[in-house]
Amino acid sequence: MKMFVSERRSKIMHLLQDKQRLTVKELASKIGVSEATLRSDLNQMEEEGLLTRTHGGAILNEFTTNETSFSARAKRNQKQKRLIAEKALDFVVEKQCILLDASSTTIELAYLLKQKNIRLTVITSGVKAALELNENPNITVILIGGMLTKGSTSLEGTLGIDLLDQVNIDLMFTSANGFTPESGLTDFNLYEVQLKRELVKKSNVVIALIDHSKIGTVSSGVFAKTDQVNTIITDKEVEESITNELTSRNIELINAASL
């Protein structure tokens, strides 16, 4: 059976997280595709900062190893992520039902919500966000997903997704590994992409929290088309062509750094 690009690249990441270093020959044998196809995948994944190409193979970047992948992602651009999360807080009001994905930016939002005197229902696919929010007695926390992702605090899979049919989700806050108006919101882990795609479908409003380094880049799997996004909050001025494209589609673009 033919494997989708995003599925293939997710498999590469899982294998590298187990072994740290693999040759193209080994990957071709394990995944069942040609070495030429894998070289193309590895080159693209190196451009996205997921791994480093070596002679004949690839090694996992330090920040994507099992022990440090999530903590390192959380530390990168942390000041900008907090700024974005503070702006996102303006959209949250009493008695809403909101949804948070498992990204490091939405965890910044969870930290802020934990300290707020507000009654909310929060559905999340992030274990860390759920534990943080559960410390606030006024917030009802629902954890959704399946298997715990290697090297992360997110759940992957669509186990329990049916419960979303029983609730009305006012807002979804999500982040991504990349965003362009042409591709929409993209990520590299197929399993997380599958879950996020379902969460987007169930949400009335989708707010993307994306630091400037992700805008203009594309990852392997699309989980939200641009027209499914209502608002984008970032931390710097965005290229004029992208701003104009979003305006033409009635998508609100907010620069959290501007007064």
C-alpha atoms as a PDB file:
ATOM      1  CA  MET A   1       0.000   0.000   0.000  1.00  0.00           C
ATOM      2  CA  LYS A   2       1.381   3.415  -0.963  1.00  0.00           C
ATOM      3  CA  MET A   3       2.473   5.549   1.990  1.00  0.00           C
ATOM      4  CA  PHE A   4       1.622   9.269   2.082  1.00  0.00           C
ATOM      5  CA  VAL A   5       4.541  11.716   2.324  1.00  0.00           C
ATOM      6  CA  SER A   6       3.494  12.882   5.790  1.00  0.00           C
ATOM      7  CA  GLU A   7       3.115   9.285   6.981  1.00  0.00           C
ATOM      8  CA  ARG A   8       6.539   8.380   5.599  1.00  0.00           C
ATOM      9  CA  ARG A   9       8.195  11.341   7.312  1.00  0.00           C
ATOM     10  CA  SER A  10       6.474  10.590  10.605  1.00  0.00           C
ATOM     11  CA  LYS A  11       7.852   7.047  10.346  1.00  0.00           C
ATOM     12  CA  ILE A  12      11.351   8.438   9.705  1.00  0.00           C
ATOM     13  CA  MET A  13      11.078  10.615  12.842  1.00  0.00           C
ATOM     14  CA  HIS A  14       9.908   7.681  14.982  1.00  0.00           C
ATOM     15  CA  LEU A  15      12.771   5.494  13.749  1.00  0.00           C
ATOM     16  CA  LEU A  16      15.329   8.239  14.371  1.00  0.00           C
ATOM     17  CA  GLN A  17      13.950   8.902  17.839  1.00  0.00           C
ATOM     18  CA  ASP A  18      14.602   5.238  18.631  1.00  0.00           C
ATOM     19  CA  LYS A  19      18.060   4.976  17.033  1.00  0.00           C
ATOM     20  CA  GLN A  20      19.299   8.621  16.839  1.00  0.00           C
ATOM     21  CA  ARG A  21      21.272   7.776  13.664  1.00  0.00           C
ATOM     22  CA  LEU A  22      20.307   5.706  10.590  1.00  0.00           C
ATOM     23  CA  THR A  23      21.590   5.185   7.059  1.00  0.00           C
ATOM     24  CA  VAL A  24      19.463   5.700   3.958  1.00  0.00           C
ATOM     25  CA  LYS A  25      19.807   1.963   3.267  1.00  0.00           C
ATOM     26  CA  GLU A  26      18.477   1.070   6.725  1.00  0.00           C
ATOM     27  CA  LEU A  27      15.565   3.507   6.403  1.00  0.00           C
ATOM     28  CA  ALA A  28      14.688   2.203   2.917  1.00  0.00           C
ATOM     29  CA  SER A  29      14.595  -1.342   4.269  1.00  0.00           C
ATOM     30  CA  LYS A  30      12.439  -0.447   7.283  1.00  0.00           C
ATOM     31  CA  ILE A  31       9.991   1.832   5.463  1.00  0.00           C
ATOM     32  CA  GLY A  32       9.842   0.015   2.120  1.00  0.00           C
ATOM     33  CA  VAL A  33      10.514   2.882  -0.287  1.00  0.00           C
ATOM     34  CA  SER A  34      13.383   3.680  -2.635  1.00  0.00           C
ATOM     35  CA  GLU A  35      16.613   5.259  -1.429  1.00  0.00           C
ATOM     36  CA  ALA A  36      16.077   8.135  -3.890  1.00  0.00           C
ATOM     37  CA  THR A  37      12.695   8.929  -2.292  1.00  0.00           C
ATOM     38  CA  LEU A  38      14.234   8.831   1.180  1.00  0.00           C
ATOM     39  CA  ARG A  39      17.090  11.135   0.187  1.00  0.00           C
ATOM     40  CA  SER A  40      14.510  13.658  -1.004  1.00  0.00           C
ATOM     41  CA  ASP A  41      12.581  13.321   2.284  1.00  0.00           C
ATOM     42  CA  LEU A  42      15.733  13.685   4.387  1.00  0.00           C
ATOM     43  CA  ASN A  43      16.875  16.770   2.477  1.00  0.00           C
ATOM     44  CA  GLN A  44      13.491  18.433   3.008  1.00  0.00           C
ATOM     45  CA  MET A  45      13.385  17.445   6.677  1.00  0.00           C
ATOM     46  CA  GLU A  46      16.867  18.880   7.169  1.00  0.00           C
ATOM     47  CA  GLU A  47      15.631  22.200   5.729  1.00  0.00           C
ATOM     48  CA  GLU A  48      12.823  22.115   8.310  1.00  0.00           C
ATOM     49  CA  GLY A  49      15.397  21.637  11.085  1.00  0.00           C
ATOM     50  CA  LEU A  50      14.209  18.159  12.070  1.00  0.00           C
ATOM     51  CA  LEU A  51      17.450  16.304  11.394  1.00  0.00           C
ATOM     52  CA  THR A  52      20.971  16.646  10.030  1.00  0.00           C
ATOM     53  CA  ARG A  53      22.096  14.841   6.885  1.00  0.00           C
ATOM     54  CA  THR A  54      25.242  12.772   7.161  1.00  0.00           C
ATOM     55  CA  HIS A  55      27.217  10.891   4.526  1.00  0.00           C
ATOM     56  CA  GLY A  56      24.816   8.093   3.620  1.00  0.00           C
ATOM     57  CA  GLY A  57      22.155   8.843   6.217  1.00  0.00           C
ATOM     58  CA  ALA A  58      20.868  11.200   8.893  1.00  0.00           C
ATOM     59  CA  ILE A  59      21.068  11.933  12.604  1.00  0.00           C
ATOM     60  CA  LEU A  60      18.422  13.413  14.828  1.00  0.00           C
ATOM     61  CA  ASN A  61      19.030  17.014  15.849  1.00  0.00           C
ATOM     62  CA  GLU A  62      19.753  17.476  19.542  1.00  0.00           C
ATOM     63  CA  PHE A  63      16.461  19.261  20.185  1.00  0.00           C
ATOM     64  CA  THR A  64      14.415  16.388  18.724  1.00  0.00           C
ATOM     65  CA  THR A  65      15.823  13.563  20.850  1.00  0.00           C
ATOM     66  CA  ASN A  66      13.437  11.699  23.150  1.00  0.00           C
ATOM     67  CA  GLU A  67      14.673  13.426  26.292  1.00  0.00           C
ATOM     68  CA  THR A  68      14.803  16.999  25.048  1.00  0.00           C
ATOM     69  CA  SER A  69      12.498  17.385  22.062  1.00  0.00           C
ATOM     70  CA  PHE A  70       9.563  19.027  23.787  1.00  0.00           C
ATOM     71  CA  SER A  71      11.510  20.978  26.392  1.00  0.00           C
ATOM     72  CA  ALA A  72      13.839  22.377  23.744  1.00  0.00           C
ATOM     73  CA  ARG A  73      10.962  23.320  21.430  1.00  0.00           C
ATOM     74  CA  ALA A  74       9.291  25.043  24.365  1.00  0.00           C
ATOM     75  CA  LYS A  75      12.421  27.094  25.084  1.00  0.00           C
ATOM     76  CA  ARG A  76      12.917  28.262  21.495  1.00  0.00           C
ATOM     77  CA  ASN A  77      11.368  31.715  20.971  1.00  0.00           C
ATOM     78  CA  GLN A  78       9.811  31.454  24.445  1.00  0.00           C
ATOM     79  CA  LYS A  79       9.516  35.211  24.928  1.00  0.00           C
ATOM     80  CA  GLN A  80       7.662  35.523  21.624  1.00  0.00           C
ATOM     81  CA  LYS A  81       5.383  32.608  22.483  1.00  0.00           C
ATOM     82  CA  ARG A  82       4.455  34.215  25.807  1.00  0.00           C
ATOM     83  CA  LEU A  83       3.692  37.474  23.996  1.00  0.00           C
ATOM     84  CA  ILE A  84       1.429  35.625  21.540  1.00  0.00           C
ATOM     85  CA  ALA A  85      -0.292  33.747  24.381  1.00  0.00           C
ATOM     86  CA  GLU A  86      -0.985  36.992  26.255  1.00  0.00           C
ATOM     87  CA  LYS A  87      -2.737  38.361  23.157  1.00  0.00           C
ATOM     88  CA  ALA A  88      -4.680  35.097  22.729  1.00  0.00           C
ATOM     89  CA  LEU A  89      -5.975  35.496  26.287  1.00  0.00           C
ATOM     90  CA  ASP A  90      -8.075  38.470  25.057  1.00  0.00           C
ATOM     91  CA  PHE A  91     -10.291  36.040  23.124  1.00  0.00           C
ATOM     92  CA  VAL A  92     -11.189  33.887  26.129  1.00  0.00           C
ATOM     93  CA  VAL A  93     -14.328  34.765  28.103  1.00  0.00           C
ATOM     94  CA  GLU A  94     -16.265  33.253  30.985  1.00  0.00           C
ATOM     95  CA  LYS A  95     -18.046  29.889  30.474  1.00  0.00           C
ATOM     96  CA  GLN A  96     -16.560  29.154  27.055  1.00  0.00           C
ATOM     97  CA  CYS A  97     -15.554  25.711  25.892  1.00  0.00           C
ATOM     98  CA  ILE A  98     -12.125  26.045  24.294  1.00  0.00           C
ATOM     99  CA  LEU A  99      -9.742  23.583  22.714  1.00  0.00           C
ATOM    100  CA  LEU A 100      -5.946  23.634  23.004  1.00  0.00           C
ATOM    101  CA  ASP A 101      -3.617  21.489  20.939  1.00  0.00           C
ATOM    102  CA  ALA A 102      -0.349  20.201  22.437  1.00  0.00           C
ATOM    103  CA  SER A 103       2.002  22.832  21.022  1.00  0.00           C
ATOM    104  CA  SER A 104       4.543  24.709  23.149  1.00  0.00           C
ATOM    105  CA  THR A 105       2.770  28.001  22.348  1.00  0.00           C
ATOM    106  CA  THR A 106      -0.617  26.808  23.602  1.00  0.00           C
ATOM    107  CA  ILE A 107       1.066  25.587  26.796  1.00  0.00           C
ATOM    108  CA  GLU A 108       2.099  29.210  27.383  1.00  0.00           C
ATOM    109  CA  LEU A 109      -1.617  30.036  27.099  1.00  0.00           C
ATOM    110  CA  ALA A 110      -2.429  27.239  29.562  1.00  0.00           C
ATOM    111  CA  TYR A 111       0.013  28.764  32.098  1.00  0.00           C
ATOM    112  CA  LEU A 112      -1.807  32.099  31.823  1.00  0.00           C
ATOM    113  CA  LEU A 113      -5.278  30.535  32.046  1.00  0.00           C
ATOM    114  CA  LYS A 114      -4.257  28.576  35.163  1.00  0.00           C
ATOM    115  CA  GLN A 115      -3.713  31.878  36.993  1.00  0.00           C
ATOM    116  CA  LYS A 116      -6.960  33.470  35.807  1.00  0.00           C
ATOM    117  CA  ASN A 117     -10.163  33.580  37.860  1.00  0.00           C
ATOM    118  CA  ILE A 118     -12.428  32.264  35.116  1.00  0.00           C
ATOM    119  CA  ARG A 119     -14.844  29.365  34.643  1.00  0.00           C
ATOM    120  CA  LEU A 120     -14.035  27.374  31.529  1.00  0.00           C
ATOM    121  CA  THR A 121     -14.172  23.962  29.934  1.00  0.00           C
ATOM    122  CA  VAL A 122     -10.886  23.159  28.207  1.00  0.00           C
ATOM    123  CA  ILE A 123     -10.450  20.205  25.863  1.00  0.00           C
ATOM    124  CA  THR A 124      -6.836  19.414  25.029  1.00  0.00           C
ATOM    125  CA  SER A 125      -4.612  16.816  23.377  1.00  0.00           C
ATOM    126  CA  GLY A 126      -1.678  17.980  25.510  1.00  0.00           C
ATOM    127  CA  VAL A 127      -0.844  16.160  28.725  1.00  0.00           C
ATOM    128  CA  LYS A 128       1.230  19.053  30.093  1.00  0.00           C
ATOM    129  CA  ALA A 129      -1.502  21.602  29.364  1.00  0.00           C
ATOM    130  CA  ALA A 130      -4.103  19.347  31.038  1.00  0.00           C
ATOM    131  CA  LEU A 131      -2.002  19.000  34.202  1.00  0.00           C
ATOM    132  CA  GLU A 132      -1.382  22.759  34.386  1.00  0.00           C
ATOM    133  CA  LEU A 133      -5.041  23.680  33.881  1.00  0.00           C
ATOM    134  CA  ASN A 134      -6.241  21.057  36.345  1.00  0.00           C
ATOM    135  CA  GLU A 135      -4.668  23.136  39.136  1.00  0.00           C
ATOM    136  CA  ASN A 136      -7.370  25.783  38.580  1.00  0.00           C
ATOM    137  CA  PRO A 137     -10.557  24.550  40.353  1.00  0.00           C
ATOM    138  CA  ASN A 138     -12.772  26.651  38.051  1.00  0.00           C
ATOM    139  CA  ILE A 139     -11.532  24.957  34.879  1.00  0.00           C
ATOM    140  CA  THR A 140     -12.983  21.635  33.753  1.00  0.00           C
ATOM    141  CA  VAL A 141     -10.324  19.730  31.790  1.00  0.00           C
ATOM    142  CA  ILE A 142     -11.042  17.043  29.193  1.00  0.00           C
ATOM    143  CA  LEU A 143      -8.063  15.146  27.750  1.00  0.00           C
ATOM    144  CA  ILE A 144      -8.511  13.677  24.299  1.00  0.00           C
ATOM    145  CA  GLY A 145      -6.296  11.606  22.037  1.00  0.00           C
ATOM    146  CA  GLY A 146      -4.609   8.227  22.159  1.00  0.00           C
ATOM    147  CA  MET A 147      -0.980   7.140  22.382  1.00  0.00           C
ATOM    148  CA  LEU A 148       1.569   9.429  24.030  1.00  0.00           C
ATOM    149  CA  THR A 149       3.904  10.750  21.327  1.00  0.00           C
ATOM    150  CA  LYS A 150       7.577   9.796  21.689  1.00  0.00           C
ATOM    151  CA  GLY A 151       9.669  12.708  22.947  1.00  0.00           C
ATOM    152  CA  SER A 152       6.626  14.894  23.525  1.00  0.00           C
ATOM    153  CA  THR A 153       3.736  15.582  25.886  1.00  0.00           C
ATOM    154  CA  SER A 154       1.096  15.294  23.165  1.00  0.00           C
ATOM    155  CA  LEU A 155      -1.326  12.495  22.404  1.00  0.00           C
ATOM    156  CA  GLU A 156      -1.652  11.125  18.899  1.00  0.00           C
ATOM    157  CA  GLY A 157      -4.566   9.286  17.365  1.00  0.00           C
ATOM    158  CA  THR A 158      -8.308   9.893  17.346  1.00  0.00           C
ATOM    159  CA  LEU A 159      -9.336   7.781  20.342  1.00  0.00           C
ATOM    160  CA  GLY A 160     -12.276   9.426  22.088  1.00  0.00           C
ATOM    161  CA  ILE A 161     -12.842  11.930  19.281  1.00  0.00           C
ATOM    162  CA  ASP A 162     -16.583  11.112  19.343  1.00  0.00           C
ATOM    163  CA  LEU A 163     -17.004  13.007  22.615  1.00  0.00           C
ATOM    164  CA  LEU A 164     -16.530  16.223  20.613  1.00  0.00           C
ATOM    165  CA  ASP A 165     -19.969  15.553  19.097  1.00  0.00           C
ATOM    166  CA  GLN A 166     -21.410  16.170  22.564  1.00  0.00           C
ATOM    167  CA  VAL A 167     -19.848  19.587  23.170  1.00  0.00           C
ATOM    168  CA  ASN A 168     -19.875  22.942  21.398  1.00  0.00           C
ATOM    169  CA  ILE A 169     -16.302  24.202  20.970  1.00  0.00           C
ATOM    170  CA  ASP A 170     -16.276  27.992  20.896  1.00  0.00           C
ATOM    171  CA  LEU A 171     -12.567  28.441  20.142  1.00  0.00           C
ATOM    172  CA  MET A 172      -9.652  26.269  19.109  1.00  0.00           C
ATOM    173  CA  PHE A 173      -6.135  27.539  19.789  1.00  0.00           C
ATOM    174  CA  THR A 174      -3.543  25.748  17.703  1.00  0.00           C
ATOM    175  CA  SER A 175       0.007  26.169  16.478  1.00  0.00           C
ATOM    176  CA  ALA A 176       1.897  24.652  13.559  1.00  0.00           C
ATOM    177  CA  ASN A 177       5.327  23.861  12.212  1.00  0.00           C
ATOM    178  CA  GLY A 178       4.576  26.000   9.164  1.00  0.00           C
ATOM    179  CA  PHE A 179       2.019  28.298   7.559  1.00  0.00           C
ATOM    180  CA  THR A 180       1.554  29.737   4.073  1.00  0.00           C
ATOM    181  CA  PRO A 181      -1.678  31.065   2.523  1.00  0.00           C
ATOM    182  CA  GLU A 182      -1.352  28.432  -0.211  1.00  0.00           C
ATOM    183  CA  SER A 183      -0.872  25.409   2.071  1.00  0.00           C
ATOM    184  CA  GLY A 184      -2.521  26.478   5.317  1.00  0.00           C
ATOM    185  CA  LEU A 185      -1.358  25.134   8.699  1.00  0.00           C
ATOM    186  CA  THR A 186       1.105  22.255   8.389  1.00  0.00           C
ATOM    187  CA  ASP A 187       2.980  19.885  10.675  1.00  0.00           C
ATOM    188  CA  PHE A 188       5.370  16.958  10.226  1.00  0.00           C
ATOM    189  CA  ASN A 189       3.862  14.256  12.471  1.00  0.00           C
ATOM    190  CA  LEU A 190       1.153  12.414  10.523  1.00  0.00           C
ATOM    191  CA  TYR A 191      -0.601  11.150  13.640  1.00  0.00           C
ATOM    192  CA  GLU A 192      -0.813  14.588  15.230  1.00  0.00           C
ATOM    193  CA  VAL A 193      -1.924  15.995  11.865  1.00  0.00           C
ATOM    194  CA  GLN A 194      -4.777  13.469  11.722  1.00  0.00           C
ATOM    195  CA  LEU A 195      -5.976  14.430  15.198  1.00  0.00           C
ATOM    196  CA  LYS A 196      -5.631  18.185  14.604  1.00  0.00           C
ATOM    197  CA  ARG A 197      -7.569  17.878  11.343  1.00  0.00           C
ATOM    198  CA  GLU A 198     -10.524  16.393  13.253  1.00  0.00           C
ATOM    199  CA  LEU A 199     -10.276  19.008  16.006  1.00  0.00           C
ATOM    200  CA  VAL A 200     -10.362  21.834  13.446  1.00  0.00           C
ATOM    201  CA  LYS A 201     -13.536  20.370  11.894  1.00  0.00           C
ATOM    202  CA  LYS A 202     -15.284  20.341  15.281  1.00  0.00           C
ATOM    203  CA  SER A 203     -14.392  23.942  16.239  1.00  0.00           C
ATOM    204  CA  ASN A 204     -16.505  27.027  15.531  1.00  0.00           C
ATOM    205  CA  VAL A 205     -13.512  29.398  15.490  1.00  0.00           C
ATOM    206  CA  VAL A 206      -9.846  28.507  14.861  1.00  0.00           C
ATOM    207  CA  ILE A 207      -7.109  30.817  16.175  1.00  0.00           C
ATOM    208  CA  ALA A 208      -3.550  30.027  15.080  1.00  0.00           C
ATOM    209  CA  LEU A 209      -0.728  31.048  17.416  1.00  0.00           C
ATOM    210  CA  ILE A 210       2.395  31.145  15.245  1.00  0.00           C
ATOM    211  CA  ASP A 211       5.710  32.822  15.921  1.00  0.00           C
ATOM    212  CA  HIS A 212       7.276  34.584  12.924  1.00  0.00           C
ATOM    213  CA  SER A 213       9.783  31.776  12.218  1.00  0.00           C
ATOM    214  CA  LYS A 214       6.948  29.479  11.075  1.00  0.00           C
ATOM    215  CA  ILE A 215       5.259  31.887   8.649  1.00  0.00           C
ATOM    216  CA  GLY A 216       6.248  31.323   5.040  1.00  0.00           C
ATOM    217  CA  THR A 217       7.405  27.741   5.666  1.00  0.00           C
ATOM    218  CA  VAL A 218       5.665  24.480   4.787  1.00  0.00           C
ATOM    219  CA  SER A 219       5.815  21.135   6.579  1.00  0.00           C
ATOM    220  CA  SER A 220       4.718  17.761   5.251  1.00  0.00           C
ATOM    221  CA  GLY A 221       1.105  17.404   6.457  1.00  0.00           C
ATOM    222  CA  VAL A 222      -1.777  19.916   6.163  1.00  0.00           C
ATOM    223  CA  PHE A 223      -4.199  19.933   9.097  1.00  0.00           C
ATOM    224  CA  ALA A 224      -6.090  23.171   8.391  1.00  0.00           C
ATOM    225  CA  LYS A 225      -6.649  24.918   5.082  1.00  0.00           C
ATOM    226  CA  THR A 226      -6.227  28.681   5.220  1.00  0.00           C
ATOM    227  CA  ASP A 227      -9.971  29.264   4.840  1.00  0.00           C
ATOM    228  CA  GLN A 228     -10.582  27.174   7.981  1.00  0.00           C
ATOM    229  CA  VAL A 229      -8.549  29.670  10.057  1.00  0.00           C
ATOM    230  CA  ASN A 230     -10.287  32.749  11.503  1.00  0.00           C
ATOM    231  CA  THR A 231      -7.413  34.548  13.226  1.00  0.00           C
ATOM    232  CA  ILE A 232      -3.619  34.360  13.212  1.00  0.00           C
ATOM    233  CA  ILE A 233      -1.626  35.820  16.107  1.00  0.00           C
ATOM    234  CA  THR A 234       2.104  36.249  15.561  1.00  0.00           C
ATOM    235  CA  ASP A 235       4.937  38.308  17.050  1.00  0.00           C
ATOM    236  CA  LYS A 236       6.289  40.382  14.134  1.00  0.00           C
ATOM    237  CA  GLU A 237       5.156  42.205  11.029  1.00  0.00           C
ATOM    238  CA  VAL A 238       4.353  39.720   8.270  1.00  0.00           C
ATOM    239  CA  GLU A 239       5.447  39.972   4.646  1.00  0.00           C
ATOM    240  CA  GLU A 240       3.085  42.322   2.789  1.00  0.00           C
ATOM    241  CA  SER A 241       2.026  39.745   0.181  1.00  0.00           C
ATOM    242  CA  ILE A 242       0.902  37.355   2.960  1.00  0.00           C
ATOM    243  CA  THR A 243      -0.866  40.163   4.831  1.00  0.00           C
ATOM    244  CA  ASN A 244      -2.758  41.160   1.674  1.00  0.00           C
ATOM    245  CA  GLU A 245      -3.722  37.555   0.943  1.00  0.00           C
ATOM    246  CA  LEU A 246      -5.099  37.058   4.457  1.00  0.00           C
ATOM    247  CA  THR A 247      -7.008  40.356   4.305  1.00  0.00           C
ATOM    248  CA  SER A 248      -8.599  39.306   1.005  1.00  0.00           C
ATOM    249  CA  ARG A 249      -9.801  36.114   2.707  1.00  0.00           C
ATOM    250  CA  ASN A 250     -11.185  38.002   5.750  1.00  0.00           C
ATOM    251  CA  ILE A 251      -8.670  36.373   8.094  1.00  0.00           C
ATOM    252  CA  GLU A 252      -7.654  38.564  11.024  1.00  0.00           C
ATOM    253  CA  LEU A 253      -3.894  38.951  11.452  1.00  0.00           C
ATOM    254  CA  ILE A 254      -2.675  40.243  14.810  1.00  0.00           C
ATOM    255  CA  ASN A 255       0.879  41.300  15.615  1.00  0.00           C
ATOM    256  CA  ALA A 256       1.190  40.722  19.362  1.00  0.00           C
ATOM    257  CA  ALA A 257       4.275  42.954  19.523  1.00  0.00           C
ATOM    258  CA  SER A 258       2.453  46.067  18.286  1.00  0.00           C
ATOM    259  CA  LEU A 259       0.815  48.431  20.770  1.00  0.00           C
END
